[in-house]
Structure formats: C-alpha cells, structure tokens
Amino acid sequence: MKRFSLYSAFVLLCSLTLTSCDLIEGIFKAGMGVGIFIVIAILAVIIFIISRFRK
C-alpha cells in the first residue's frame, strides 16, 4: 500500500508541474536512452562472441 501511495503522489506531482508535452518528452527521452544502451550491449555481446570463435 505504501508503494501505491508513493506512486500516486509522484503521478500527482508530475501532473501538476509538467504539461502533457513535457511529460511525454521525458518518457521518450528515457526510452531512447534505454534503447541506445540495449543496442550497445547487444553489439558488445556479438563482438565478444565473434572474438571467442576466432581464437
């Protein structure tokens, strides 16, 4: 229940301080950052696997 009230307070704070465009922009920026991180991680794993098979 405490988590729900904390979440509710956060949503209320965001809705009062941010306009809808700012909120959506923040969500997409976070999503883009996570997406870039995942792509870099996948490329690193592929390079690691290829380097293991060459030796």
PDB file of N, CA and C in Angstrom:
ATOM      1  N   MET A   1       0.823  -1.193   0.000  1.00  0.00           N
ATOM      2  CA  MET A   1       0.000   0.000   0.000  1.00  0.00           C
ATOM      3  C   MET A   1       0.869   1.259   0.000  1.00  0.00           C
ATOM      4  N   LYS A   2       2.016   1.182   0.694  1.00  0.00           N
ATOM      5  CA  LYS A   2       2.890   2.346   0.739  1.00  0.00           C
ATOM      6  C   LYS A   2       3.413   2.668  -0.660  1.00  0.00           C
ATOM      7  N   ARG A   3       3.723   1.632  -1.438  1.00  0.00           N
ATOM      8  CA  ARG A   3       4.223   1.862  -2.791  1.00  0.00           C
ATOM      9  C   ARG A   3       3.152   2.545  -3.636  1.00  0.00           C
ATOM     10  N   PHE A   4       1.918   2.142  -3.468  1.00  0.00           N
ATOM     11  CA  PHE A   4       0.839   2.752  -4.234  1.00  0.00           C
ATOM     12  C   PHE A   4       0.689   4.224  -3.879  1.00  0.00           C
ATOM     13  N   SER A   5       0.775   4.560  -2.620  1.00  0.00           N
ATOM     14  CA  SER A   5       0.613   5.958  -2.239  1.00  0.00           C
ATOM     15  C   SER A   5       1.794   6.798  -2.723  1.00  0.00           C
ATOM     16  N   LEU A   6       2.995   6.216  -2.717  1.00  0.00           N
ATOM     17  CA  LEU A   6       4.159   6.923  -3.239  1.00  0.00           C
ATOM     18  C   LEU A   6       4.009   7.141  -4.740  1.00  0.00           C
ATOM     19  N   TYR A   7       3.531   6.115  -5.433  1.00  0.00           N
ATOM     20  CA  TYR A   7       3.306   6.228  -6.874  1.00  0.00           C
ATOM     21  C   TYR A   7       2.231   7.272  -7.165  1.00  0.00           C
ATOM     22  N   SER A   8       1.178   7.265  -6.389  1.00  0.00           N
ATOM     23  CA  SER A   8       0.097   8.237  -6.583  1.00  0.00           C
ATOM     24  C   SER A   8       0.590   9.659  -6.360  1.00  0.00           C
ATOM     25  N   ALA A   9       1.419   9.844  -5.343  1.00  0.00           N
ATOM     26  CA  ALA A   9       1.965  11.169  -5.070  1.00  0.00           C
ATOM     27  C   ALA A   9       2.860  11.623  -6.219  1.00  0.00           C
ATOM     28  N   PHE A  10       3.647  10.700  -6.777  1.00  0.00           N
ATOM     29  CA  PHE A  10       4.526  11.036  -7.894  1.00  0.00           C
ATOM     30  C   PHE A  10       3.715  11.434  -9.126  1.00  0.00           C
ATOM     31  N   VAL A  11       2.679  10.670  -9.424  1.00  0.00           N
ATOM     32  CA  VAL A  11       1.834  10.981 -10.581  1.00  0.00           C
ATOM     33  C   VAL A  11       1.143  12.324 -10.390  1.00  0.00           C
ATOM     34  N   LEU A  12       0.656  12.572  -9.195  1.00  0.00           N
ATOM     35  CA  LEU A  12       0.004  13.848  -8.913  1.00  0.00           C
ATOM     36  C   LEU A  12       0.986  15.004  -9.065  1.00  0.00           C
ATOM     37  N   LEU A  13       2.189  14.841  -8.552  1.00  0.00           N
ATOM     38  CA  LEU A  13       3.208  15.886  -8.671  1.00  0.00           C
ATOM     39  C   LEU A  13       3.549  16.144 -10.133  1.00  0.00           C
ATOM     40  N   CYS A  14       3.720  15.080 -10.908  1.00  0.00           N
ATOM     41  CA  CYS A  14       4.034  15.244 -12.334  1.00  0.00           C
ATOM     42  C   CYS A  14       2.896  15.916 -13.082  1.00  0.00           C
ATOM     43  N   SER A  15       1.679  15.537 -12.761  1.00  0.00           N
ATOM     44  CA  SER A  15       0.551  16.114 -13.491  1.00  0.00           C
ATOM     45  C   SER A  15       0.343  17.584 -13.152  1.00  0.00           C
ATOM     46  N   LEU A  16       0.747  17.984 -11.959  1.00  0.00           N
ATOM     47  CA  LEU A  16       0.583  19.387 -11.589  1.00  0.00           C
ATOM     48  C   LEU A  16       1.726  20.265 -12.081  1.00  0.00           C
ATOM     49  N   THR A  17       2.931  19.703 -12.173  1.00  0.00           N
ATOM     50  CA  THR A  17       4.086  20.523 -12.526  1.00  0.00           C
ATOM     51  C   THR A  17       4.451  20.456 -14.005  1.00  0.00           C
ATOM     52  N   LEU A  18       4.134  19.366 -14.660  1.00  0.00           N
ATOM     53  CA  LEU A  18       4.516  19.211 -16.061  1.00  0.00           C
ATOM     54  C   LEU A  18       3.292  19.314 -16.957  1.00  0.00           C
ATOM     55  N   THR A  19       3.496  19.916 -18.102  1.00  0.00           N
ATOM     56  CA  THR A  19       2.433  19.856 -19.098  1.00  0.00           C
ATOM     57  C   THR A  19       2.504  18.493 -19.766  1.00  0.00           C
ATOM     58  N   SER A  20       1.501  18.130 -20.488  1.00  0.00           N
ATOM     59  CA  SER A  20       1.476  16.794 -21.094  1.00  0.00           C
ATOM     60  C   SER A  20       2.612  16.615 -22.100  1.00  0.00           C
ATOM     61  N   CYS A  21       2.954  17.659 -22.811  1.00  0.00           N
ATOM     62  CA  CYS A  21       4.035  17.557 -23.793  1.00  0.00           C
ATOM     63  C   CYS A  21       5.376  17.324 -23.102  1.00  0.00           C
ATOM     64  N   ASP A  22       5.613  18.014 -21.997  1.00  0.00           N
ATOM     65  CA  ASP A  22       6.859  17.822 -21.263  1.00  0.00           C
ATOM     66  C   ASP A  22       6.945  16.411 -20.697  1.00  0.00           C
ATOM     67  N   LEU A  23       5.836  15.901 -20.207  1.00  0.00           N
ATOM     68  CA  LEU A  23       5.820  14.554 -19.643  1.00  0.00           C
ATOM     69  C   LEU A  23       6.113  13.517 -20.721  1.00  0.00           C
ATOM     70  N   ILE A  24       5.472  13.630 -21.865  1.00  0.00           N
ATOM     71  CA  ILE A  24       5.702  12.688 -22.967  1.00  0.00           C
ATOM     72  C   ILE A  24       7.133  12.803 -23.472  1.00  0.00           C
ATOM     73  N   GLU A  25       7.655  14.010 -23.537  1.00  0.00           N
ATOM     74  CA  GLU A  25       9.036  14.204 -23.975  1.00  0.00           C
ATOM     75  C   GLU A  25       9.998  13.500 -23.032  1.00  0.00           C
ATOM     76  N   GLY A  26       9.765  13.598 -21.741  1.00  0.00           N
ATOM     77  CA  GLY A  26      10.619  12.924 -20.765  1.00  0.00           C
ATOM     78  C   GLY A  26      10.566  11.414 -20.904  1.00  0.00           C
ATOM     79  N   ILE A  27       9.377  10.887 -21.152  1.00  0.00           N
ATOM     80  CA  ILE A  27       9.232   9.441 -21.323  1.00  0.00           C
ATOM     81  C   ILE A  27       9.992   8.980 -22.560  1.00  0.00           C
ATOM     82  N   PHE A  28       9.882   9.717 -23.665  1.00  0.00           N
ATOM     83  CA  PHE A  28      10.572   9.309 -24.883  1.00  0.00           C
ATOM     84  C   PHE A  28      12.082   9.466 -24.762  1.00  0.00           C
ATOM     85  N   LYS A  29      12.551  10.488 -24.058  1.00  0.00           N
ATOM     86  CA  LYS A  29      13.993  10.629 -23.855  1.00  0.00           C
ATOM     87  C   LYS A  29      14.533   9.464 -23.049  1.00  0.00           C
ATOM     88  N   ALA A  30      13.827   9.064 -22.012  1.00  0.00           N
ATOM     89  CA  ALA A  30      14.256   7.918 -21.209  1.00  0.00           C
ATOM     90  C   ALA A  30      14.232   6.651 -22.050  1.00  0.00           C
ATOM     91  N   GLY A  31      13.204   6.491 -22.859  1.00  0.00           N
ATOM     92  CA  GLY A  31      13.109   5.318 -23.721  1.00  0.00           C
ATOM     93  C   GLY A  31      14.223   5.276 -24.748  1.00  0.00           C
ATOM     94  N   MET A  32      14.573   6.425 -25.299  1.00  0.00           N
ATOM     95  CA  MET A  32      15.644   6.482 -26.275  1.00  0.00           C
ATOM     96  C   MET A  32      16.975   6.125 -25.618  1.00  0.00           C
ATOM     97  N   GLY A  33      17.212   6.621 -24.412  1.00  0.00           N
ATOM     98  CA  GLY A  33      18.455   6.301 -23.700  1.00  0.00           C
ATOM     99  C   GLY A  33      18.573   4.818 -23.411  1.00  0.00           C
ATOM    100  N   VAL A  34      17.488   4.219 -22.969  1.00  0.00           N
ATOM    101  CA  VAL A  34      17.491   2.781 -22.690  1.00  0.00           C
ATOM    102  C   VAL A  34      17.681   1.997 -23.986  1.00  0.00           C
ATOM    103  N   GLY A  35      17.050   2.436 -25.058  1.00  0.00           N
ATOM    104  CA  GLY A  35      17.202   1.761 -26.345  1.00  0.00           C
ATOM    105  C   GLY A  35      18.632   1.799 -26.853  1.00  0.00           C
ATOM    106  N   ILE A  36      19.272   2.940 -26.733  1.00  0.00           N
ATOM    107  CA  ILE A  36      20.673   3.063 -27.156  1.00  0.00           C
ATOM    108  C   ILE A  36      21.554   2.154 -26.318  1.00  0.00           C
ATOM    109  N   PHE A  37      21.310   2.109 -25.010  1.00  0.00           N
ATOM    110  CA  PHE A  37      22.087   1.238 -24.124  1.00  0.00           C
ATOM    111  C   PHE A  37      21.926  -0.228 -24.517  1.00  0.00           C
ATOM    112  N   ILE A  38      20.707  -0.648 -24.829  1.00  0.00           N
ATOM    113  CA  ILE A  38      20.461  -2.044 -25.205  1.00  0.00           C
ATOM    114  C   ILE A  38      21.158  -2.382 -26.516  1.00  0.00           C
ATOM    115  N   VAL A  39      21.118  -1.481 -27.486  1.00  0.00           N
ATOM    116  CA  VAL A  39      21.789  -1.724 -28.769  1.00  0.00           C
ATOM    117  C   VAL A  39      23.293  -1.849 -28.568  1.00  0.00           C
ATOM    118  N   ILE A  40      23.885  -0.983 -27.765  1.00  0.00           N
ATOM    119  CA  ILE A  40      25.327  -1.055 -27.498  1.00  0.00           C
ATOM    120  C   ILE A  40      25.668  -2.351 -26.780  1.00  0.00           C
ATOM    121  N   ALA A  41      24.838  -2.760 -25.825  1.00  0.00           N
ATOM    122  CA  ALA A  41      25.087  -4.009 -25.101  1.00  0.00           C
ATOM    123  C   ALA A  41      25.013  -5.212 -26.036  1.00  0.00           C
ATOM    124  N   ILE A  42      24.043  -5.229 -26.939  1.00  0.00           N
ATOM    125  CA  ILE A  42      23.916  -6.345 -27.885  1.00  0.00           C
ATOM    126  C   ILE A  42      25.114  -6.387 -28.825  1.00  0.00           C
ATOM    127  N   LEU A  43      25.552  -5.228 -29.312  1.00  0.00           N
ATOM    128  CA  LEU A  43      26.735  -5.190 -30.177  1.00  0.00           C
ATOM    129  C   LEU A  43      27.974  -5.682 -29.439  1.00  0.00           C
ATOM    130  N   ALA A  44      28.122  -5.324 -28.174  1.00  0.00           N
ATOM    131  CA  ALA A  44      29.268  -5.774 -27.386  1.00  0.00           C
ATOM    132  C   ALA A  44      29.246  -7.289 -27.214  1.00  0.00           C
ATOM    133  N   VAL A  45      28.080  -7.856 -26.980  1.00  0.00           N
ATOM    134  CA  VAL A  45      27.966  -9.314 -26.834  1.00  0.00           C
ATOM    135  C   VAL A  45      28.293 -10.009 -28.151  1.00  0.00           C
ATOM    136  N   ILE A  46      27.819  -9.476 -29.265  1.00  0.00           N
ATOM    137  CA  ILE A  46      28.110 -10.072 -30.573  1.00  0.00           C
ATOM    138  C   ILE A  46      29.604 -10.017 -30.865  1.00  0.00           C
ATOM    139  N   ILE A  47      30.237  -8.894 -30.601  1.00  0.00           N
ATOM    140  CA  ILE A  47      31.683  -8.766 -30.821  1.00  0.00           C
ATOM    141  C   ILE A  47      32.441  -9.726 -29.918  1.00  0.00           C
ATOM    142  N   PHE A  48      32.004  -9.874 -28.673  1.00  0.00           N
ATOM    143  CA  PHE A  48      32.639 -10.802 -27.741  1.00  0.00           C
ATOM    144  C   PHE A  48      32.529 -12.242 -28.241  1.00  0.00           C
ATOM    145  N   ILE A  49      31.352 -12.627 -28.720  1.00  0.00           N
ATOM    146  CA  ILE A  49      31.152 -13.995 -29.214  1.00  0.00           C
ATOM    147  C   ILE A  49      31.995 -14.248 -30.458  1.00  0.00           C
ATOM    148  N   ILE A  50      32.040 -13.293 -31.372  1.00  0.00           N
ATOM    149  CA  ILE A  50      32.848 -13.447 -32.587  1.00  0.00           C
ATOM    150  C   ILE A  50      34.324 -13.560 -32.238  1.00  0.00           C
ATOM    151  N   SER A  51      34.795 -12.768 -31.295  1.00  0.00           N
ATOM    152  CA  SER A  51      36.209 -12.835 -30.916  1.00  0.00           C
ATOM    153  C   SER A  51      36.538 -14.163 -30.241  1.00  0.00           C
ATOM    154  N   ARG A  52      35.600 -14.767 -29.541  1.00  0.00           N
ATOM    155  CA  ARG A  52      35.823 -16.071 -28.908  1.00  0.00           C
ATOM    156  C   ARG A  52      35.930 -17.180 -29.952  1.00  0.00           C
ATOM    157  N   PHE A  53      35.139 -17.116 -31.020  1.00  0.00           N
ATOM    158  CA  PHE A  53      35.157 -18.159 -32.033  1.00  0.00           C
ATOM    159  C   PHE A  53      36.366 -18.049 -32.954  1.00  0.00           C
ATOM    160  N   ARG A  54      36.968 -16.908 -33.072  1.00  0.00           N
ATOM    161  CA  ARG A  54      38.123 -16.741 -33.959  1.00  0.00           C
ATOM    162  C   ARG A  54      39.387 -17.336 -33.361  1.00  0.00           C
ATOM    163  N   LYS A  55      39.479 -17.432 -32.056  1.00  0.00           N
ATOM    164  CA  LYS A  55      40.712 -17.940 -31.423  1.00  0.00           C
ATOM    165  C   LYS A  55      40.751 -19.415 -31.390  1.00  0.00           C
TER     166      LYS A  55
END
